[in-house]
Amino acid sequence: NIKSTIKERYTQIAGQSREENASSCCGTGGCCTVDYE
C-alpha cells in the first residue's frame, strides 16, 4: 500500500515543474503534506 501511494503521488509530481510542485507542496494540487523545498 505504501508503494502504491508513492507511485500515485510521484506520478502527479512528475507532471509538474519544480515551481508548481513547490506551490502545491506535494504536487497534487494542494495536499500540502510536506513542502519538499
Full PDB file with SEQRES, HELIX, SHEET, SSBOND, CRYST1, ORIGX, SCALE, CONECT and MASTER records, all heavy atoms in Angstrom:
SEQRES   1 A   37  ASN ILE LYS SER THR ILE LYS GLU ARG TYR THR GLN ILE          
SEQRES   2 A   37  ALA GLY GLN SER ARG GLU GLU ASN ALA SER SER CYS CYS          
SEQRES   3 A   37  GLY THR GLY GLY CYS CYS THR VAL ASP TYR GLU                  
HELIX    1 AA1 ILE A    2  ALA A   14  1                                  13    
HELIX    2 AA2 ARG A   18  SER A   23  1                                   6    
SSBOND   1 CYS A   26    CYS A   31                          1555   1555  1.71  
CRYST1    1.000    1.000    1.000  90.00  90.00  90.00 P 1           1          
ORIGX1      1.000000  0.000000  0.000000        0.00000                         
ORIGX2      0.000000  1.000000  0.000000        0.00000                         
ORIGX3      0.000000  0.000000  1.000000        0.00000                         
SCALE1      1.000000  0.000000  0.000000        0.00000                         
SCALE2      0.000000  1.000000  0.000000        0.00000                         
SCALE3      0.000000  0.000000  1.000000        0.00000                         
ATOM      1  N   ASN A   1       0.829  -1.206   0.000  1.00  0.00           N  
ATOM      2  CA  ASN A   1       0.000   0.000   0.000  1.00  0.00           C  
ATOM      3  C   ASN A   1       0.861   1.254   0.000  1.00  0.00           C  
ATOM      4  O   ASN A   1       0.540   2.252  -0.658  1.00  0.00           O  
ATOM      5  CB  ASN A   1      -0.935   0.001   1.203  1.00  0.00           C  
ATOM      6  CG  ASN A   1      -2.080  -0.975   1.056  1.00  0.00           C  
ATOM      7  OD1 ASN A   1      -2.364  -1.451  -0.040  1.00  0.00           O  
ATOM      8  ND2 ASN A   1      -2.742  -1.303   2.160  1.00  0.00           N  
ATOM      9  N   ILE A   2       1.958   1.218   0.763  1.00  0.00           N  
ATOM     10  CA  ILE A   2       2.880   2.347   0.783  1.00  0.00           C  
ATOM     11  C   ILE A   2       3.451   2.587  -0.612  1.00  0.00           C  
ATOM     12  O   ILE A   2       3.490   3.712  -1.109  1.00  0.00           O  
ATOM     13  CB  ILE A   2       4.017   2.109   1.791  1.00  0.00           C  
ATOM     14  CG1 ILE A   2       3.498   2.247   3.227  1.00  0.00           C  
ATOM     15  CG2 ILE A   2       5.180   3.059   1.554  1.00  0.00           C  
ATOM     16  CD1 ILE A   2       3.107   3.658   3.613  1.00  0.00           C  
ATOM     17  N   LYS A   3       3.891   1.509  -1.269  1.00  0.00           N  
ATOM     18  CA  LYS A   3       4.463   1.655  -2.610  1.00  0.00           C  
ATOM     19  C   LYS A   3       3.422   2.189  -3.599  1.00  0.00           C  
ATOM     20  O   LYS A   3       3.748   3.002  -4.467  1.00  0.00           O  
ATOM     21  CB  LYS A   3       5.033   0.324  -3.085  1.00  0.00           C  
ATOM     22  CG  LYS A   3       6.282  -0.109  -2.329  1.00  0.00           C  
ATOM     23  CD  LYS A   3       6.764  -1.478  -2.784  1.00  0.00           C  
ATOM     24  CE  LYS A   3       7.938  -1.958  -1.949  1.00  0.00           C  
ATOM     25  NZ  LYS A   3       8.415  -3.301  -2.343  1.00  0.00           N  
ATOM     26  N   SER A   4       2.195   1.735  -3.465  1.00  0.00           N  
ATOM     27  CA  SER A   4       1.133   2.220  -4.341  1.00  0.00           C  
ATOM     28  C   SER A   4       0.895   3.711  -4.128  1.00  0.00           C  
ATOM     29  O   SER A   4       0.724   4.476  -5.094  1.00  0.00           O  
ATOM     30  CB  SER A   4      -0.156   1.436  -4.072  1.00  0.00           C  
ATOM     31  OG  SER A   4      -1.222   1.933  -4.862  1.00  0.00           O  
ATOM     32  N   THR A   5       0.926   4.147  -2.865  1.00  0.00           N  
ATOM     33  CA  THR A   5       0.754   5.565  -2.550  1.00  0.00           C  
ATOM     34  C   THR A   5       1.904   6.371  -3.118  1.00  0.00           C  
ATOM     35  O   THR A   5       1.713   7.460  -3.674  1.00  0.00           O  
ATOM     36  CB  THR A   5       0.662   5.760  -1.026  1.00  0.00           C  
ATOM     37  OG1 THR A   5      -0.436   5.012  -0.516  1.00  0.00           O  
ATOM     38  CG2 THR A   5       0.476   7.227  -0.676  1.00  0.00           C  
ATOM     39  N   ILE A   6       3.120   5.855  -2.987  1.00  0.00           N  
ATOM     40  CA  ILE A   6       4.300   6.539  -3.520  1.00  0.00           C  
ATOM     41  C   ILE A   6       4.179   6.703  -5.031  1.00  0.00           C  
ATOM     42  O   ILE A   6       4.416   7.790  -5.575  1.00  0.00           O  
ATOM     43  CB  ILE A   6       5.577   5.754  -3.148  1.00  0.00           C  
ATOM     44  CG1 ILE A   6       5.864   5.887  -1.652  1.00  0.00           C  
ATOM     45  CG2 ILE A   6       6.783   6.238  -3.969  1.00  0.00           C  
ATOM     46  CD1 ILE A   6       6.903   4.920  -1.147  1.00  0.00           C  
ATOM     47  N   LYS A   7       3.813   5.630  -5.733  1.00  0.00           N  
ATOM     48  CA  LYS A   7       3.699   5.706  -7.190  1.00  0.00           C  
ATOM     49  C   LYS A   7       2.636   6.718  -7.605  1.00  0.00           C  
ATOM     50  O   LYS A   7       2.845   7.493  -8.539  1.00  0.00           O  
ATOM     51  CB  LYS A   7       3.376   4.316  -7.761  1.00  0.00           C  
ATOM     52  CG  LYS A   7       4.530   3.333  -7.648  1.00  0.00           C  
ATOM     53  CD  LYS A   7       4.169   1.958  -8.173  1.00  0.00           C  
ATOM     54  CE  LYS A   7       4.153   1.925  -9.675  1.00  0.00           C  
ATOM     55  NZ  LYS A   7       4.010   0.539 -10.184  1.00  0.00           N  
ATOM     56  N   GLU A   8       1.515   6.722  -6.899  1.00  0.00           N  
ATOM     57  CA  GLU A   8       0.449   7.665  -7.232  1.00  0.00           C  
ATOM     58  C   GLU A   8       0.922   9.101  -7.028  1.00  0.00           C  
ATOM     59  O   GLU A   8       0.730   9.966  -7.895  1.00  0.00           O  
ATOM     60  CB  GLU A   8      -0.779   7.379  -6.370  1.00  0.00           C  
ATOM     61  CG  GLU A   8      -1.924   8.338  -6.628  1.00  0.00           C  
ATOM     62  CD  GLU A   8      -3.117   8.062  -5.710  1.00  0.00           C  
ATOM     63  OE1 GLU A   8      -3.068   7.083  -4.940  1.00  0.00           O  
ATOM     64  OE2 GLU A   8      -4.083   8.847  -5.763  1.00  0.00           O  
ATOM     65  N   ARG A   9       1.537   9.365  -5.879  1.00  0.00           N  
ATOM     66  CA  ARG A   9       1.960  10.727  -5.571  1.00  0.00           C  
ATOM     67  C   ARG A   9       3.033  11.209  -6.538  1.00  0.00           C  
ATOM     68  O   ARG A   9       2.982  12.322  -7.056  1.00  0.00           O  
ATOM     69  CB  ARG A   9       2.474  10.782  -4.132  1.00  0.00           C  
ATOM     70  CG  ARG A   9       2.853  12.175  -3.653  1.00  0.00           C  
ATOM     71  CD  ARG A   9       1.663  13.116  -3.590  1.00  0.00           C  
ATOM     72  NE  ARG A   9       0.515  12.512  -2.944  1.00  0.00           N  
ATOM     73  CZ  ARG A   9       0.367  12.412  -1.624  1.00  0.00           C  
ATOM     74  NH1 ARG A   9       1.301  12.850  -0.829  1.00  0.00           N  
ATOM     75  NH2 ARG A   9      -0.719  11.860  -1.113  1.00  0.00           N  
ATOM     76  N   TYR A  10       4.033  10.362  -6.804  1.00  0.00           N  
ATOM     77  CA  TYR A  10       5.125  10.813  -7.657  1.00  0.00           C  
ATOM     78  C   TYR A  10       4.742  10.833  -9.133  1.00  0.00           C  
ATOM     79  O   TYR A  10       5.378  11.529  -9.925  1.00  0.00           O  
ATOM     80  CB  TYR A  10       6.386   9.980  -7.387  1.00  0.00           C  
ATOM     81  CG  TYR A  10       7.069  10.437  -6.107  1.00  0.00           C  
ATOM     82  CD1 TYR A  10       6.705   9.899  -4.875  1.00  0.00           C  
ATOM     83  CD2 TYR A  10       8.037  11.432  -6.133  1.00  0.00           C  
ATOM     84  CE1 TYR A  10       7.313  10.340  -3.702  1.00  0.00           C  
ATOM     85  CE2 TYR A  10       8.641  11.875  -4.973  1.00  0.00           C  
ATOM     86  CZ  TYR A  10       8.266  11.331  -3.756  1.00  0.00           C  
ATOM     87  OH  TYR A  10       8.843  11.784  -2.607  1.00  0.00           O  
ATOM     88  N   THR A  11       3.716  10.110  -9.510  1.00  0.00           N  
ATOM     89  CA  THR A  11       3.165  10.270 -10.852  1.00  0.00           C  
ATOM     90  C   THR A  11       2.593  11.669 -11.019  1.00  0.00           C  
ATOM     91  O   THR A  11       2.801  12.327 -12.053  1.00  0.00           O  
ATOM     92  CB  THR A  11       2.068   9.219 -11.117  1.00  0.00           C  
ATOM     93  OG1 THR A  11       2.663   7.914 -11.113  1.00  0.00           O  
ATOM     94  CG2 THR A  11       1.386   9.453 -12.457  1.00  0.00           C  
ATOM     95  N   GLN A  12       1.922  12.156  -9.999  1.00  0.00           N  
ATOM     96  CA  GLN A  12       1.369  13.511 -10.042  1.00  0.00           C  
ATOM     97  C   GLN A  12       2.479  14.557 -10.046  1.00  0.00           C  
ATOM     98  O   GLN A  12       2.430  15.541 -10.789  1.00  0.00           O  
ATOM     99  CB  GLN A  12       0.422  13.713  -8.857  1.00  0.00           C  
ATOM    100  CG  GLN A  12      -0.823  12.838  -8.932  1.00  0.00           C  
ATOM    101  CD  GLN A  12      -1.592  12.791  -7.623  1.00  0.00           C  
ATOM    102  OE1 GLN A  12      -1.012  12.866  -6.544  1.00  0.00           O  
ATOM    103  NE2 GLN A  12      -2.902  12.644  -7.713  1.00  0.00           N  
ATOM    104  N   ILE A  13       3.500  14.329  -9.233  1.00  0.00           N  
ATOM    105  CA  ILE A  13       4.621  15.266  -9.178  1.00  0.00           C  
ATOM    106  C   ILE A  13       5.338  15.333 -10.520  1.00  0.00           C  
ATOM    107  O   ILE A  13       5.768  16.400 -10.963  1.00  0.00           O  
ATOM    108  CB  ILE A  13       5.602  14.865  -8.055  1.00  0.00           C  
ATOM    109  CG1 ILE A  13       4.956  15.084  -6.678  1.00  0.00           C  
ATOM    110  CG2 ILE A  13       6.903  15.646  -8.152  1.00  0.00           C  
ATOM    111  CD1 ILE A  13       5.775  14.549  -5.523  1.00  0.00           C  
ATOM    112  N   ALA A  14       5.464  14.184 -11.189  1.00  0.00           N  
ATOM    113  CA  ALA A  14       6.170  14.140 -12.479  1.00  0.00           C  
ATOM    114  C   ALA A  14       5.516  15.025 -13.524  1.00  0.00           C  
ATOM    115  O   ALA A  14       6.182  15.494 -14.458  1.00  0.00           O  
ATOM    116  CB  ALA A  14       6.231  12.700 -12.988  1.00  0.00           C  
ATOM    117  N   GLY A  15       4.233  15.286 -13.367  1.00  0.00           N  
ATOM    118  CA  GLY A  15       3.516  16.086 -14.344  1.00  0.00           C  
ATOM    119  C   GLY A  15       3.661  17.572 -14.160  1.00  0.00           C  
ATOM    120  O   GLY A  15       3.084  18.352 -14.931  1.00  0.00           O  
ATOM    121  N   GLN A  16       4.445  18.002 -13.169  1.00  0.00           N  
ATOM    122  CA  GLN A  16       4.567  19.424 -12.878  1.00  0.00           C  
ATOM    123  C   GLN A  16       6.040  19.832 -12.785  1.00  0.00           C  
ATOM    124  O   GLN A  16       6.925  18.996 -12.644  1.00  0.00           O  
ATOM    125  CB  GLN A  16       3.852  19.759 -11.555  1.00  0.00           C  
ATOM    126  CG  GLN A  16       2.372  19.442 -11.589  1.00  0.00           C  
ATOM    127  CD  GLN A  16       1.624  19.944 -10.368  1.00  0.00           C  
ATOM    128  OE1 GLN A  16       0.416  19.960 -10.365  1.00  0.00           O  
ATOM    129  NE2 GLN A  16       2.329  20.356  -9.337  1.00  0.00           N  
ATOM    130  N   SER A  17       6.274  21.115 -12.865  1.00  0.00           N  
ATOM    131  CA  SER A  17       7.622  21.664 -12.716  1.00  0.00           C  
ATOM    132  C   SER A  17       7.968  21.788 -11.236  1.00  0.00           C  
ATOM    133  O   SER A  17       7.111  21.632 -10.360  1.00  0.00           O  
ATOM    134  CB  SER A  17       7.691  23.053 -13.359  1.00  0.00           C  
ATOM    135  OG  SER A  17       6.895  23.973 -12.610  1.00  0.00           O  
ATOM    136  N   ARG A  18       9.228  22.105 -10.966  1.00  0.00           N  
ATOM    137  CA  ARG A  18       9.650  22.335  -9.582  1.00  0.00           C  
ATOM    138  C   ARG A  18       8.827  23.459  -8.957  1.00  0.00           C  
ATOM    139  O   ARG A  18       8.402  23.367  -7.810  1.00  0.00           O  
ATOM    140  CB  ARG A  18      11.140  22.676  -9.532  1.00  0.00           C  
ATOM    141  CG  ARG A  18      11.623  23.062  -8.141  1.00  0.00           C  
ATOM    142  CD  ARG A  18      13.114  23.223  -8.067  1.00  0.00           C  
ATOM    143  NE  ARG A  18      13.519  23.601  -6.718  1.00  0.00           N  
ATOM    144  CZ  ARG A  18      14.722  23.401  -6.232  1.00  0.00           C  
ATOM    145  NH1 ARG A  18      15.653  22.822  -6.971  1.00  0.00           N  
ATOM    146  NH2 ARG A  18      15.032  23.791  -5.007  1.00  0.00           N  
ATOM    147  N   GLU A  19       8.612  24.542  -9.707  1.00  0.00           N  
ATOM    148  CA  GLU A  19       7.867  25.672  -9.164  1.00  0.00           C  
ATOM    149  C   GLU A  19       6.420  25.288  -8.838  1.00  0.00           C  
ATOM    150  O   GLU A  19       5.878  25.686  -7.811  1.00  0.00           O  
ATOM    151  CB  GLU A  19       7.889  26.842 -10.158  1.00  0.00           C  
ATOM    152  CG  GLU A  19       9.249  27.506 -10.320  1.00  0.00           C  
ATOM    153  CD  GLU A  19      10.219  26.682 -11.163  1.00  0.00           C  
ATOM    154  OE1 GLU A  19       9.761  25.770 -11.895  1.00  0.00           O  
ATOM    155  OE2 GLU A  19      11.430  26.954 -11.081  1.00  0.00           O  
ATOM    156  N   GLU A  20       5.808  24.527  -9.717  1.00  0.00           N  
ATOM    157  CA  GLU A  20       4.435  24.073  -9.471  1.00  0.00           C  
ATOM    158  C   GLU A  20       4.385  23.139  -8.270  1.00  0.00           C  
ATOM    159  O   GLU A  20       3.474  23.215  -7.440  1.00  0.00           O  
ATOM    160  CB  GLU A  20       3.875  23.380 -10.710  1.00  0.00           C  
ATOM    161  CG  GLU A  20       3.600  24.326 -11.858  1.00  0.00           C  
ATOM    162  CD  GLU A  20       3.290  23.588 -13.146  1.00  0.00           C  
ATOM    163  OE1 GLU A  20       3.893  22.525 -13.395  1.00  0.00           O  
ATOM    164  OE2 GLU A  20       2.453  24.082 -13.913  1.00  0.00           O  
ATOM    165  N   ASN A  21       5.370  22.246  -8.151  1.00  0.00           N  
ATOM    166  CA  ASN A  21       5.404  21.342  -7.010  1.00  0.00           C  
ATOM    167  C   ASN A  21       5.588  22.104  -5.715  1.00  0.00           C  
ATOM    168  O   ASN A  21       4.982  21.784  -4.693  1.00  0.00           O  
ATOM    169  CB  ASN A  21       6.539  20.321  -7.182  1.00  0.00           C  
ATOM    170  CG  ASN A  21       6.223  19.296  -8.234  1.00  0.00           C  
ATOM    171  OD1 ASN A  21       5.077  18.919  -8.405  1.00  0.00           O  
ATOM    172  ND2 ASN A  21       7.234  18.848  -8.954  1.00  0.00           N  
ATOM    173  N   ALA A  22       6.423  23.142  -5.743  1.00  0.00           N  
ATOM    174  CA  ALA A  22       6.644  23.930  -4.538  1.00  0.00           C  
ATOM    175  C   ALA A  22       5.375  24.674  -4.131  1.00  0.00           C  
ATOM    176  O   ALA A  22       5.032  24.739  -2.941  1.00  0.00           O  
ATOM    177  CB  ALA A  22       7.783  24.924  -4.756  1.00  0.00           C  
ATOM    178  N   SER A  23       4.648  25.208  -5.114  1.00  0.00           N  
ATOM    179  CA  SER A  23       3.464  25.996  -4.776  1.00  0.00           C  
ATOM    180  C   SER A  23       2.317  25.136  -4.286  1.00  0.00           C  
ATOM    181  O   SER A  23       1.459  25.602  -3.548  1.00  0.00           O  
ATOM    182  CB  SER A  23       3.011  26.809  -5.996  1.00  0.00           C  
ATOM    183  OG  SER A  23       2.549  25.959  -7.028  1.00  0.00           O  
ATOM    184  N   SER A  24       2.307  23.847  -4.677  1.00  0.00           N  
ATOM    185  CA  SER A  24       1.244  22.960  -4.206  1.00  0.00           C  
ATOM    186  C   SER A  24       1.766  21.949  -3.196  1.00  0.00           C  
ATOM    187  O   SER A  24       1.098  20.994  -2.871  1.00  0.00           O  
ATOM    188  CB  SER A  24       0.585  22.231  -5.376  1.00  0.00           C  
ATOM    189  OG  SER A  24       1.498  21.373  -6.012  1.00  0.00           O  
ATOM    190  N   CYS A  25       2.942  22.183  -2.678  1.00  0.00           N  
ATOM    191  CA  CYS A  25       3.593  21.399  -1.634  1.00  0.00           C  
ATOM    192  C   CYS A  25       3.997  20.016  -2.088  1.00  0.00           C  
ATOM    193  O   CYS A  25       5.150  19.670  -2.026  1.00  0.00           O  
ATOM    194  CB  CYS A  25       2.736  21.295  -0.373  1.00  0.00           C  
ATOM    195  SG  CYS A  25       2.496  22.858   0.442  1.00  0.00           S  
ATOM    196  N   CYS A  26       3.072  19.197  -2.517  1.00  0.00           N  
ATOM    197  CA  CYS A  26       3.467  17.852  -2.915  1.00  0.00           C  
ATOM    198  C   CYS A  26       3.062  17.557  -4.338  1.00  0.00           C  
ATOM    199  O   CYS A  26       3.073  16.421  -4.766  1.00  0.00           O  
ATOM    200  CB  CYS A  26       2.883  16.807  -1.969  1.00  0.00           C  
ATOM    201  SG  CYS A  26       1.116  16.837  -1.909  1.00  0.00           S  
ATOM    202  N   GLY A  27       2.648  18.580  -5.063  1.00  0.00           N  
ATOM    203  CA  GLY A  27       2.409  18.397  -6.480  1.00  0.00           C  
ATOM    204  C   GLY A  27       1.058  17.812  -6.811  1.00  0.00           C  
ATOM    205  O   GLY A  27       0.817  17.425  -7.925  1.00  0.00           O  
ATOM    206  N   THR A  28       0.149  17.769  -5.863  1.00  0.00           N  
ATOM    207  CA  THR A  28      -1.141  17.155  -6.135  1.00  0.00           C  
ATOM    208  C   THR A  28      -2.268  18.179  -6.131  1.00  0.00           C  
ATOM    209  O   THR A  28      -3.426  17.830  -6.008  1.00  0.00           O  
ATOM    210  CB  THR A  28      -1.459  16.069  -5.087  1.00  0.00           C  
ATOM    211  OG1 THR A  28      -1.566  16.691  -3.817  1.00  0.00           O  
ATOM    212  CG2 THR A  28      -0.390  15.003  -5.064  1.00  0.00           C  
ATOM    213  N   GLY A  29      -1.919  19.454  -6.233  1.00  0.00           N  
ATOM    214  CA  GLY A  29      -2.954  20.467  -6.316  1.00  0.00           C  
ATOM    215  C   GLY A  29      -3.421  20.938  -4.968  1.00  0.00           C  
ATOM    216  O   GLY A  29      -4.494  21.523  -4.842  1.00  0.00           O  
ATOM    217  N   GLY A  30      -2.639  20.738  -3.907  1.00  0.00           N  
ATOM    218  CA  GLY A  30      -2.987  21.356  -2.644  1.00  0.00           C  
ATOM    219  C   GLY A  30      -3.050  20.445  -1.459  1.00  0.00           C  
ATOM    220  O   GLY A  30      -3.654  20.783  -0.452  1.00  0.00           O  
ATOM    221  N   CYS A  31      -2.413  19.259  -1.474  1.00  0.00           N  
ATOM    222  CA  CYS A  31      -2.463  18.391  -0.291  1.00  0.00           C  
ATOM    223  C   CYS A  31      -1.546  18.899   0.812  1.00  0.00           C  
ATOM    224  O   CYS A  31      -1.803  18.689   1.980  1.00  0.00           O  
ATOM    225  CB  CYS A  31      -2.078  16.957  -0.647  1.00  0.00           C  
ATOM    226  SG  CYS A  31      -0.352  16.762  -1.034  1.00  0.00           S  
ATOM    227  N   CYS A  32      -0.440  19.564   0.421  1.00  0.00           N  
ATOM    228  CA  CYS A  32       0.459  20.200   1.385  1.00  0.00           C  
ATOM    229  C   CYS A  32       0.892  19.289   2.514  1.00  0.00           C  
ATOM    230  O   CYS A  32       0.921  19.678   3.685  1.00  0.00           O  
ATOM    231  CB  CYS A  32      -0.165  21.469   1.958  1.00  0.00           C  
ATOM    232  SG  CYS A  32      -0.096  22.853   0.801  1.00  0.00           S  
ATOM    233  N   THR A  33       1.232  18.048   2.199  1.00  0.00           N  
ATOM    234  CA  THR A  33       1.742  17.146   3.221  1.00  0.00           C  
ATOM    235  C   THR A  33       3.086  17.619   3.733  1.00  0.00           C  
ATOM    236  O   THR A  33       3.278  17.815   4.917  1.00  0.00           O  
ATOM    237  CB  THR A  33       1.891  15.727   2.637  1.00  0.00           C  
ATOM    238  OG1 THR A  33       0.633  15.320   2.129  1.00  0.00           O  
ATOM    239  CG2 THR A  33       2.348  14.757   3.691  1.00  0.00           C  
ATOM    240  N   VAL A  34       4.054  17.767   2.841  1.00  0.00           N  
ATOM    241  CA  VAL A  34       5.363  18.310   3.180  1.00  0.00           C  
ATOM    242  C   VAL A  34       5.806  19.172   2.017  1.00  0.00           C  
ATOM    243  O   VAL A  34       5.694  18.781   0.861  1.00  0.00           O  
ATOM    244  CB  VAL A  34       6.405  17.187   3.424  1.00  0.00           C  
ATOM    245  CG1 VAL A  34       7.786  17.785   3.624  1.00  0.00           C  
ATOM    246  CG2 VAL A  34       6.031  16.359   4.647  1.00  0.00           C  
ATOM    247  N   ASP A  35       6.324  20.365   2.314  1.00  0.00           N  
ATOM    248  CA  ASP A  35       6.900  21.207   1.287  1.00  0.00           C  
ATOM    249  C   ASP A  35       8.318  20.712   1.040  1.00  0.00           C  
ATOM    250  O   ASP A  35       9.208  20.902   1.861  1.00  0.00           O  
ATOM    251  CB  ASP A  35       6.899  22.662   1.760  1.00  0.00           C  
ATOM    252  CG  ASP A  35       7.444  23.617   0.714  1.00  0.00           C  
ATOM    253  OD1 ASP A  35       7.993  23.129  -0.296  1.00  0.00           O  
ATOM    254  OD2 ASP A  35       7.323  24.833   0.908  1.00  0.00           O  
ATOM    255  N   TYR A  36       8.555  20.077  -0.109  1.00  0.00           N  
ATOM    256  CA  TYR A  36       9.854  19.474  -0.383  1.00  0.00           C  
ATOM    257  C   TYR A  36      10.984  20.506  -0.421  1.00  0.00           C  
ATOM    258  O   TYR A  36      12.152  20.159  -0.290  1.00  0.00           O  
ATOM    259  CB  TYR A  36       9.811  18.705  -1.707  1.00  0.00           C  
ATOM    260  CG  TYR A  36       8.932  17.474  -1.638  1.00  0.00           C  
ATOM    261  CD1 TYR A  36       7.667  17.470  -2.209  1.00  0.00           C  
ATOM    262  CD2 TYR A  36       9.371  16.328  -0.994  1.00  0.00           C  
ATOM    263  CE1 TYR A  36       6.864  16.351  -2.141  1.00  0.00           C  
ATOM    264  CE2 TYR A  36       8.568  15.203  -0.924  1.00  0.00           C  
ATOM    265  CZ  TYR A  36       7.317  15.215  -1.498  1.00  0.00           C  
ATOM    266  OH  TYR A  36       6.509  14.110  -1.420  1.00  0.00           O  
ATOM    267  N   GLU A  37      10.628  21.777  -0.590  1.00  0.00           N  
ATOM    268  CA  GLU A  37      11.656  22.809  -0.643  1.00  0.00           C  
ATOM    269  C   GLU A  37      12.421  22.922   0.676  1.00  0.00           C  
ATOM    270  O   GLU A  37      13.540  23.431   0.695  1.00  0.00           O  
ATOM    271  CB  GLU A  37      11.029  24.154  -1.010  1.00  0.00           C  
ATOM    272  CG  GLU A  37      10.520  24.232  -2.443  1.00  0.00           C  
ATOM    273  CD  GLU A  37      11.643  24.192  -3.468  1.00  0.00           C  
ATOM    274  OE1 GLU A  37      12.652  24.892  -3.295  1.00  0.00           O  
ATOM    275  OE2 GLU A  37      11.500  23.462  -4.463  1.00  0.00           O  
TER     276      GLU A  37                                                      
CONECT  201  226                                                                
CONECT  226  201                                                                
MASTER        0    0    0    2    0    0    0    6  275    1    2    3          
END                                                                             
